[in-house]
Amino acid sequence: MANQLENLVQSIKSKVRSLKKSKKPYVKMDKSSSVKVEIRSRQAKKLIDKTLKAADRPGKRPSWGVFNSSAAQPQSWQQGLIGALQD
């Protein structure tokens, strides 16, 4: 009786495994140009927000690298933002 139960459990396990393996893998699609533009615009918005926050604190230097300490300091935060976006 126990042997029949073991065989039944083994057959159920093998059927479950075969069902799991039968799934076809999906084909990963490349990002479209519109998605790439959307990603870049989100990154630019984040950079603008960081720059505006840094401009609101004129006594403190930003630690995230828009204004490089080894380079000449920009005359205004707008020039720093433009330079960072061009990089």
PDB file of N, CA and C in Angstrom:
ATOM      1  N   MET A   1       0.824  -1.191   0.000  1.00  0.00           N
ATOM      2  CA  MET A   1       0.000   0.000   0.000  1.00  0.00           C
ATOM      3  C   MET A   1       0.869   1.256   0.000  1.00  0.00           C
ATOM      4  N   ALA A   2       1.917   1.260   0.831  1.00  0.00           N
ATOM      5  CA  ALA A   2       2.809   2.412   0.912  1.00  0.00           C
ATOM      6  C   ALA A   2       3.551   2.603  -0.402  1.00  0.00           C
ATOM      7  N   ASN A   3       3.884   1.500  -1.054  1.00  0.00           N
ATOM      8  CA  ASN A   3       4.592   1.570  -2.335  1.00  0.00           C
ATOM      9  C   ASN A   3       3.710   2.214  -3.399  1.00  0.00           C
ATOM     10  N   GLN A   4       2.434   1.896  -3.415  1.00  0.00           N
ATOM     11  CA  GLN A   4       1.510   2.501  -4.375  1.00  0.00           C
ATOM     12  C   GLN A   4       1.366   3.996  -4.118  1.00  0.00           C
ATOM     13  N   LEU A   5       1.326   4.364  -2.843  1.00  0.00           N
ATOM     14  CA  LEU A   5       1.220   5.777  -2.484  1.00  0.00           C
ATOM     15  C   LEU A   5       2.464   6.546  -2.935  1.00  0.00           C
ATOM     16  N   GLU A   6       3.643   5.938  -2.753  1.00  0.00           N
ATOM     17  CA  GLU A   6       4.882   6.573  -3.200  1.00  0.00           C
ATOM     18  C   GLU A   6       4.887   6.749  -4.717  1.00  0.00           C
ATOM     19  N   ASN A   7       4.435   5.741  -5.425  1.00  0.00           N
ATOM     20  CA  ASN A   7       4.379   5.831  -6.891  1.00  0.00           C
ATOM     21  C   ASN A   7       3.417   6.930  -7.339  1.00  0.00           C
ATOM     22  N   LEU A   8       2.292   7.033  -6.645  1.00  0.00           N
ATOM     23  CA  LEU A   8       1.317   8.073  -6.971  1.00  0.00           C
ATOM     24  C   LEU A   8       1.913   9.463  -6.731  1.00  0.00           C
ATOM     25  N   VAL A   9       2.587   9.637  -5.604  1.00  0.00           N
ATOM     26  CA  VAL A   9       3.211  10.925  -5.290  1.00  0.00           C
ATOM     27  C   VAL A   9       4.280  11.252  -6.328  1.00  0.00           C
ATOM     28  N   GLN A  10       5.095  10.281  -6.699  1.00  0.00           N
ATOM     29  CA  GLN A  10       6.147  10.509  -7.693  1.00  0.00           C
ATOM     30  C   GLN A  10       5.554  10.878  -9.050  1.00  0.00           C
ATOM     31  N   SER A  11       4.479  10.239  -9.449  1.00  0.00           N
ATOM     32  CA  SER A  11       3.871  10.563 -10.742  1.00  0.00           C
ATOM     33  C   SER A  11       3.261  11.963 -10.719  1.00  0.00           C
ATOM     34  N   ILE A  12       2.667  12.336  -9.608  1.00  0.00           N
ATOM     35  CA  ILE A  12       2.109  13.696  -9.496  1.00  0.00           C
ATOM     36  C   ILE A  12       3.228  14.725  -9.552  1.00  0.00           C
ATOM     37  N   LYS A  13       4.331  14.464  -8.844  1.00  0.00           N
ATOM     38  CA  LYS A  13       5.465  15.387  -8.864  1.00  0.00           C
ATOM     39  C   LYS A  13       6.024  15.540 -10.275  1.00  0.00           C
ATOM     40  N   SER A  14       6.155  14.447 -10.989  1.00  0.00           N
ATOM     41  CA  SER A  14       6.718  14.531 -12.341  1.00  0.00           C
ATOM     42  C   SER A  14       5.776  15.279 -13.280  1.00  0.00           C
ATOM     43  N   LYS A  15       4.474  15.102 -13.117  1.00  0.00           N
ATOM     44  CA  LYS A  15       3.520  15.839 -13.940  1.00  0.00           C
ATOM     45  C   LYS A  15       3.577  17.337 -13.644  1.00  0.00           C
ATOM     46  N   VAL A  16       3.699  17.691 -12.374  1.00  0.00           N
ATOM     47  CA  VAL A  16       3.795  19.104 -11.996  1.00  0.00           C
ATOM     48  C   VAL A  16       5.066  19.708 -12.577  1.00  0.00           C
ATOM     49  N   ARG A  17       6.192  18.987 -12.490  1.00  0.00           N
ATOM     50  CA  ARG A  17       7.449  19.478 -13.061  1.00  0.00           C
ATOM     51  C   ARG A  17       7.336  19.673 -14.566  1.00  0.00           C
ATOM     52  N   SER A  18       6.688  18.742 -15.236  1.00  0.00           N
ATOM     53  CA  SER A  18       6.562  18.867 -16.693  1.00  0.00           C
ATOM     54  C   SER A  18       5.672  20.048 -17.069  1.00  0.00           C
ATOM     55  N   LEU A  19       4.662  20.333 -16.261  1.00  0.00           N
ATOM     56  CA  LEU A  19       3.817  21.493 -16.533  1.00  0.00           C
ATOM     57  C   LEU A  19       4.593  22.788 -16.341  1.00  0.00           C
ATOM     58  N   LYS A  20       5.456  22.830 -15.343  1.00  0.00           N
ATOM     59  CA  LYS A  20       6.258  24.024 -15.098  1.00  0.00           C
ATOM     60  C   LYS A  20       7.249  24.264 -16.234  1.00  0.00           C
ATOM     61  N   LYS A  21       7.817  23.219 -16.782  1.00  0.00           N
ATOM     62  CA  LYS A  21       8.831  23.351 -17.826  1.00  0.00           C
ATOM     63  C   LYS A  21       8.232  23.675 -19.190  1.00  0.00           C
ATOM     64  N   SER A  22       6.952  23.448 -19.364  1.00  0.00           N
ATOM     65  CA  SER A  22       6.352  23.634 -20.684  1.00  0.00           C
ATOM     66  C   SER A  22       6.125  25.100 -21.043  1.00  0.00           C
ATOM     67  N   LYS A  23       6.325  26.011 -20.087  1.00  0.00           N
ATOM     68  CA  LYS A  23       6.133  27.424 -20.391  1.00  0.00           C
ATOM     69  C   LYS A  23       7.205  27.882 -21.366  1.00  0.00           C
ATOM     70  N   LYS A  24       6.783  28.586 -22.383  1.00  0.00           N
ATOM     71  CA  LYS A  24       7.732  29.104 -23.358  1.00  0.00           C
ATOM     72  C   LYS A  24       8.335  30.397 -22.820  1.00  0.00           C
ATOM     73  N   PRO A  25       9.640  30.558 -22.960  1.00  0.00           N
ATOM     74  CA  PRO A  25      10.246  31.816 -22.496  1.00  0.00           C
ATOM     75  C   PRO A  25       9.812  32.971 -23.390  1.00  0.00           C
ATOM     76  N   TYR A  26       9.657  34.128 -22.786  1.00  0.00           N
ATOM     77  CA  TYR A  26       9.242  35.289 -23.556  1.00  0.00           C
ATOM     78  C   TYR A  26      10.446  35.880 -24.270  1.00  0.00           C
ATOM     79  N   VAL A  27      10.188  36.567 -25.336  1.00  0.00           N
ATOM     80  CA  VAL A  27      11.238  37.232 -26.093  1.00  0.00           C
ATOM     81  C   VAL A  27      11.364  38.649 -25.559  1.00  0.00           C
ATOM     82  N   LYS A  28      12.542  38.981 -25.085  1.00  0.00           N
ATOM     83  CA  LYS A  28      12.754  40.310 -24.532  1.00  0.00           C
ATOM     84  C   LYS A  28      12.841  41.309 -25.677  1.00  0.00           C
ATOM     85  N   MET A  29      12.032  42.354 -25.586  1.00  0.00           N
ATOM     86  CA  MET A  29      11.990  43.354 -26.646  1.00  0.00           C
ATOM     87  C   MET A  29      12.927  44.499 -26.307  1.00  0.00           C
ATOM     88  N   ASP A  30      13.493  45.093 -27.338  1.00  0.00           N
ATOM     89  CA  ASP A  30      14.329  46.270 -27.146  1.00  0.00           C
ATOM     90  C   ASP A  30      13.446  47.470 -26.846  1.00  0.00           C
ATOM     91  N   LYS A  31      14.037  48.455 -26.193  1.00  0.00           N
ATOM     92  CA  LYS A  31      13.292  49.668 -25.878  1.00  0.00           C
ATOM     93  C   LYS A  31      13.099  50.479 -27.151  1.00  0.00           C
ATOM     94  N   SER A  32      11.907  50.993 -27.321  1.00  0.00           N
ATOM     95  CA  SER A  32      11.636  51.833 -28.482  1.00  0.00           C
ATOM     96  C   SER A  32      12.250  53.204 -28.261  1.00  0.00           C
ATOM     97  N   SER A  33      12.332  53.963 -29.317  1.00  0.00           N
ATOM     98  CA  SER A  33      12.940  55.291 -29.202  1.00  0.00           C
ATOM     99  C   SER A  33      12.116  56.196 -28.291  1.00  0.00           C
ATOM    100  N   SER A  34      10.806  56.043 -28.296  1.00  0.00           N
ATOM    101  CA  SER A  34       9.979  56.888 -27.427  1.00  0.00           C
ATOM    102  C   SER A  34      10.211  56.556 -25.954  1.00  0.00           C
ATOM    103  N   VAL A  35      10.433  55.287 -25.649  1.00  0.00           N
ATOM    104  CA  VAL A  35      10.723  54.899 -24.272  1.00  0.00           C
ATOM    105  C   VAL A  35      12.080  55.454 -23.852  1.00  0.00           C
ATOM    106  N   LYS A  36      13.054  55.411 -24.757  1.00  0.00           N
ATOM    107  CA  LYS A  36      14.374  55.961 -24.447  1.00  0.00           C
ATOM    108  C   LYS A  36      14.291  57.459 -24.189  1.00  0.00           C
ATOM    109  N   VAL A  37      13.483  58.158 -24.980  1.00  0.00           N
ATOM    110  CA  VAL A  37      13.305  59.600 -24.783  1.00  0.00           C
ATOM    111  C   VAL A  37      12.642  59.860 -23.436  1.00  0.00           C
ATOM    112  N   GLU A  38      11.665  59.055 -23.083  1.00  0.00           N
ATOM    113  CA  GLU A  38      10.981  59.207 -21.800  1.00  0.00           C
ATOM    114  C   GLU A  38      11.951  59.001 -20.638  1.00  0.00           C
ATOM    115  N   ILE A  39      12.815  58.013 -20.740  1.00  0.00           N
ATOM    116  CA  ILE A  39      13.801  57.760 -19.688  1.00  0.00           C
ATOM    117  C   ILE A  39      14.743  58.941 -19.559  1.00  0.00           C
ATOM    118  N   ARG A  40      15.218  59.462 -20.700  1.00  0.00           N
ATOM    119  CA  ARG A  40      16.128  60.609 -20.660  1.00  0.00           C
ATOM    120  C   ARG A  40      15.447  61.835 -20.068  1.00  0.00           C
ATOM    121  N   SER A  41      14.170  62.039 -20.395  1.00  0.00           N
ATOM    122  CA  SER A  41      13.473  63.214 -19.861  1.00  0.00           C
ATOM    123  C   SER A  41      13.265  63.080 -18.355  1.00  0.00           C
ATOM    124  N   ARG A  42      13.014  61.870 -17.869  1.00  0.00           N
ATOM    125  CA  ARG A  42      12.892  61.667 -16.422  1.00  0.00           C
ATOM    126  C   ARG A  42      14.218  61.958 -15.727  1.00  0.00           C
ATOM    127  N   GLN A  43      15.309  61.497 -16.329  1.00  0.00           N
ATOM    128  CA  GLN A  43      16.621  61.757 -15.739  1.00  0.00           C
ATOM    129  C   GLN A  43      16.917  63.249 -15.728  1.00  0.00           C
ATOM    130  N   ALA A  44      16.545  63.944 -16.793  1.00  0.00           N
ATOM    131  CA  ALA A  44      16.772  65.390 -16.853  1.00  0.00           C
ATOM    132  C   ALA A  44      15.939  66.108 -15.795  1.00  0.00           C
ATOM    133  N   LYS A  45      14.694  65.667 -15.595  1.00  0.00           N
ATOM    134  CA  LYS A  45      13.851  66.282 -14.566  1.00  0.00           C
ATOM    135  C   LYS A  45      14.448  66.092 -13.182  1.00  0.00           C
ATOM    136  N   LYS A  46      14.971  64.894 -12.914  1.00  0.00           N
ATOM    137  CA  LYS A  46      15.597  64.645 -11.620  1.00  0.00           C
ATOM    138  C   LYS A  46      16.809  65.546 -11.427  1.00  0.00           C
ATOM    139  N   LEU A  47      17.606  65.710 -12.479  1.00  0.00           N
ATOM    140  CA  LEU A  47      18.782  66.564 -12.396  1.00  0.00           C
ATOM    141  C   LEU A  47      18.386  68.017 -12.177  1.00  0.00           C
ATOM    142  N   ILE A  48      17.344  68.463 -12.843  1.00  0.00           N
ATOM    143  CA  ILE A  48      16.860  69.837 -12.665  1.00  0.00           C
ATOM    144  C   ILE A  48      16.379  70.039 -11.232  1.00  0.00           C
ATOM    145  N   ASP A  49      15.642  69.065 -10.695  1.00  0.00           N
ATOM    146  CA  ASP A  49      15.168  69.175  -9.312  1.00  0.00           C
ATOM    147  C   ASP A  49      16.334  69.267  -8.331  1.00  0.00           C
ATOM    148  N   LYS A  50      17.357  68.428  -8.545  1.00  0.00           N
ATOM    149  CA  LYS A  50      18.526  68.478  -7.664  1.00  0.00           C
ATOM    150  C   LYS A  50      19.226  69.823  -7.770  1.00  0.00           C
ATOM    151  N   THR A  51      19.340  70.331  -8.984  1.00  0.00           N
ATOM    152  CA  THR A  51      20.022  71.606  -9.186  1.00  0.00           C
ATOM    153  C   THR A  51      19.242  72.744  -8.546  1.00  0.00           C
ATOM    154  N   LEU A  52      17.924  72.713  -8.668  1.00  0.00           N
ATOM    155  CA  LEU A  52      17.113  73.759  -8.047  1.00  0.00           C
ATOM    156  C   LEU A  52      17.203  73.704  -6.524  1.00  0.00           C
ATOM    157  N   LYS A  53      17.253  72.502  -5.970  1.00  0.00           N
ATOM    158  CA  LYS A  53      17.415  72.381  -4.525  1.00  0.00           C
ATOM    159  C   LYS A  53      18.765  72.943  -4.094  1.00  0.00           C
ATOM    160  N   ALA A  54      19.803  72.671  -4.887  1.00  0.00           N
ATOM    161  CA  ALA A  54      21.129  73.197  -4.561  1.00  0.00           C
ATOM    162  C   ALA A  54      21.152  74.706  -4.707  1.00  0.00           C
ATOM    163  N   ALA A  55      20.423  75.246  -5.670  1.00  0.00           N
ATOM    164  CA  ALA A  55      20.389  76.695  -5.869  1.00  0.00           C
ATOM    165  C   ALA A  55      19.639  77.385  -4.736  1.00  0.00           C
ATOM    166  N   ASP A  56      18.707  76.688  -4.117  1.00  0.00           N
ATOM    167  CA  ASP A  56      17.978  77.255  -2.988  1.00  0.00           C
ATOM    168  C   ASP A  56      18.838  77.318  -1.730  1.00  0.00           C
ATOM    169  N   ARG A  57      19.960  76.611  -1.732  1.00  0.00           N
ATOM    170  CA  ARG A  57      20.886  76.641  -0.595  1.00  0.00           C
ATOM    171  C   ARG A  57      22.213  77.229  -1.076  1.00  0.00           C
ATOM    172  N   PRO A  58      22.302  78.525  -1.252  1.00  0.00           N
ATOM    173  CA  PRO A  58      23.505  79.103  -1.857  1.00  0.00           C
ATOM    174  C   PRO A  58      24.761  78.945  -1.006  1.00  0.00           C
ATOM    175  N   GLY A  59      24.644  78.752   0.291  1.00  0.00           N
ATOM    176  CA  GLY A  59      25.822  78.638   1.141  1.00  0.00           C
ATOM    177  C   GLY A  59      26.459  77.267   1.119  1.00  0.00           C
ATOM    178  N   LYS A  60      25.761  76.275   0.620  1.00  0.00           N
ATOM    179  CA  LYS A  60      26.274  74.904   0.639  1.00  0.00           C
ATOM    180  C   LYS A  60      26.571  74.442  -0.773  1.00  0.00           C
ATOM    181  N   ARG A  61      27.646  73.685  -0.910  1.00  0.00           N
ATOM    182  CA  ARG A  61      28.014  73.137  -2.214  1.00  0.00           C
ATOM    183  C   ARG A  61      27.300  71.802  -2.409  1.00  0.00           C
ATOM    184  N   PRO A  62      26.841  71.520  -3.589  1.00  0.00           N
ATOM    185  CA  PRO A  62      26.202  70.224  -3.824  1.00  0.00           C
ATOM    186  C   PRO A  62      27.240  69.108  -3.796  1.00  0.00           C
ATOM    187  N   SER A  63      26.849  67.969  -3.265  1.00  0.00           N
ATOM    188  CA  SER A  63      27.777  66.847  -3.167  1.00  0.00           C
ATOM    189  C   SER A  63      27.592  65.851  -4.299  1.00  0.00           C
ATOM    190  N   TRP A  64      26.689  66.094  -5.213  1.00  0.00           N
ATOM    191  CA  TRP A  64      26.392  65.112  -6.248  1.00  0.00           C
ATOM    192  C   TRP A  64      27.065  65.415  -7.561  1.00  0.00           C
ATOM    193  N   GLY A  65      27.916  66.429  -7.653  1.00  0.00           N
ATOM    194  CA  GLY A  65      28.834  66.556  -8.760  1.00  0.00           C
ATOM    195  C   GLY A  65      28.441  67.391  -9.948  1.00  0.00           C
ATOM    196  N   VAL A  66      27.390  68.193  -9.905  1.00  0.00           N
ATOM    197  CA  VAL A  66      27.099  69.052 -11.053  1.00  0.00           C
ATOM    198  C   VAL A  66      28.175  70.113 -11.177  1.00  0.00           C
ATOM    199  N   PHE A  67      28.565  70.684 -10.042  1.00  0.00           N
ATOM    200  CA  PHE A  67      29.628  71.679 -10.043  1.00  0.00           C
ATOM    201  C   PHE A  67      30.905  70.982  -9.599  1.00  0.00           C
ATOM    202  N   ASN A  68      31.774  70.721 -10.526  1.00  0.00           N
ATOM    203  CA  ASN A  68      33.013  70.030 -10.229  1.00  0.00           C
ATOM    204  C   ASN A  68      33.957  70.991  -9.521  1.00  0.00           C
ATOM    205  N   SER A  69      34.539  70.574  -8.410  1.00  0.00           N
ATOM    206  CA  SER A  69      35.386  71.470  -7.630  1.00  0.00           C
ATOM    207  C   SER A  69      36.687  71.797  -8.350  1.00  0.00           C
ATOM    208  N   SER A  70      37.168  70.915  -9.238  1.00  0.00           N
ATOM    209  CA  SER A  70      38.419  71.187  -9.933  1.00  0.00           C
ATOM    210  C   SER A  70      38.216  72.145 -11.103  1.00  0.00           C
ATOM    211  N   ALA A  71      37.001  72.247 -11.606  1.00  0.00           N
ATOM    212  CA  ALA A  71      36.724  73.143 -12.732  1.00  0.00           C
ATOM    213  C   ALA A  71      36.390  74.535 -12.206  1.00  0.00           C
ATOM    214  N   ALA A  72      36.420  75.494 -13.097  1.00  0.00           N
ATOM    215  CA  ALA A  72      36.044  76.858 -12.718  1.00  0.00           C
ATOM    216  C   ALA A  72      34.568  76.876 -12.346  1.00  0.00           C
ATOM    217  N   GLN A  73      34.216  77.636 -11.325  1.00  0.00           N
ATOM    218  CA  GLN A  73      32.839  77.698 -10.865  1.00  0.00           C
ATOM    219  C   GLN A  73      31.984  78.462 -11.869  1.00  0.00           C
ATOM    220  N   PRO A  74      30.806  77.942 -12.215  1.00  0.00           N
ATOM    221  CA  PRO A  74      29.928  78.670 -13.127  1.00  0.00           C
ATOM    222  C   PRO A  74      29.415  79.949 -12.480  1.00  0.00           C
ATOM    223  N   GLN A  75      29.043  80.900 -13.311  1.00  0.00           N
ATOM    224  CA  GLN A  75      28.596  82.181 -12.790  1.00  0.00           C
ATOM    225  C   GLN A  75      27.192  82.085 -12.202  1.00  0.00           C
ATOM    226  N   SER A  76      26.393  81.157 -12.656  1.00  0.00           N
ATOM    227  CA  SER A  76      25.056  81.003 -12.100  1.00  0.00           C
ATOM    228  C   SER A  76      24.674  79.529 -12.116  1.00  0.00           C
ATOM    229  N   TRP A  77      23.648  79.191 -11.375  1.00  0.00           N
ATOM    230  CA  TRP A  77      23.212  77.807 -11.330  1.00  0.00           C
ATOM    231  C   TRP A  77      22.624  77.368 -12.668  1.00  0.00           C
ATOM    232  N   GLN A  78      22.093  78.313 -13.464  1.00  0.00           N
ATOM    233  CA  GLN A  78      21.558  77.953 -14.776  1.00  0.00           C
ATOM    234  C   GLN A  78      22.674  77.462 -15.693  1.00  0.00           C
ATOM    235  N   GLN A  79      23.832  78.123 -15.649  1.00  0.00           N
ATOM    236  CA  GLN A  79      24.947  77.688 -16.479  1.00  0.00           C
ATOM    237  C   GLN A  79      25.442  76.314 -16.037  1.00  0.00           C
ATOM    238  N   GLY A  80      25.425  76.065 -14.736  1.00  0.00           N
ATOM    239  CA  GLY A  80      25.813  74.749 -14.237  1.00  0.00           C
ATOM    240  C   GLY A  80      24.863  73.669 -14.705  1.00  0.00           C
ATOM    241  N   LEU A  81      23.584  73.987 -14.723  1.00  0.00           N
ATOM    242  CA  LEU A  81      22.586  73.036 -15.190  1.00  0.00           C
ATOM    243  C   LEU A  81      22.758  72.758 -16.671  1.00  0.00           C
ATOM    244  N   ILE A  82      22.974  73.795 -17.445  1.00  0.00           N
ATOM    245  CA  ILE A  82      23.159  73.624 -18.888  1.00  0.00           C
ATOM    246  C   ILE A  82      24.400  72.785 -19.153  1.00  0.00           C
ATOM    247  N   GLY A  83      25.466  73.058 -18.436  1.00  0.00           N
ATOM    248  CA  GLY A  83      26.688  72.276 -18.609  1.00  0.00           C
ATOM    249  C   GLY A  83      26.495  70.820 -18.232  1.00  0.00           C
ATOM    250  N   ALA A  84      25.740  70.560 -17.162  1.00  0.00           N
ATOM    251  CA  ALA A  84      25.502  69.187 -16.733  1.00  0.00           C
ATOM    252  C   ALA A  84      24.628  68.440 -17.728  1.00  0.00           C
ATOM    253  N   LEU A  85      23.666  69.108 -18.316  1.00  0.00           N
ATOM    254  CA  LEU A  85      22.788  68.450 -19.286  1.00  0.00           C
ATOM    255  C   LEU A  85      23.506  68.172 -20.590  1.00  0.00           C
ATOM    256  N   GLN A  86      24.511  68.972 -20.927  1.00  0.00           N
ATOM    257  CA  GLN A  86      25.240  68.766 -22.171  1.00  0.00           C
ATOM    258  C   GLN A  86      26.211  67.604 -22.068  1.00  0.00           C
ATOM    259  N   ASP A  87      26.631  67.250 -20.857  1.00  0.00           N
ATOM    260  CA  ASP A  87      27.586  66.139 -20.674  1.00  0.00           C
ATOM    261  C   ASP A  87      26.985  64.817 -20.958  1.00  0.00           C
TER     262      ASP A  87
END
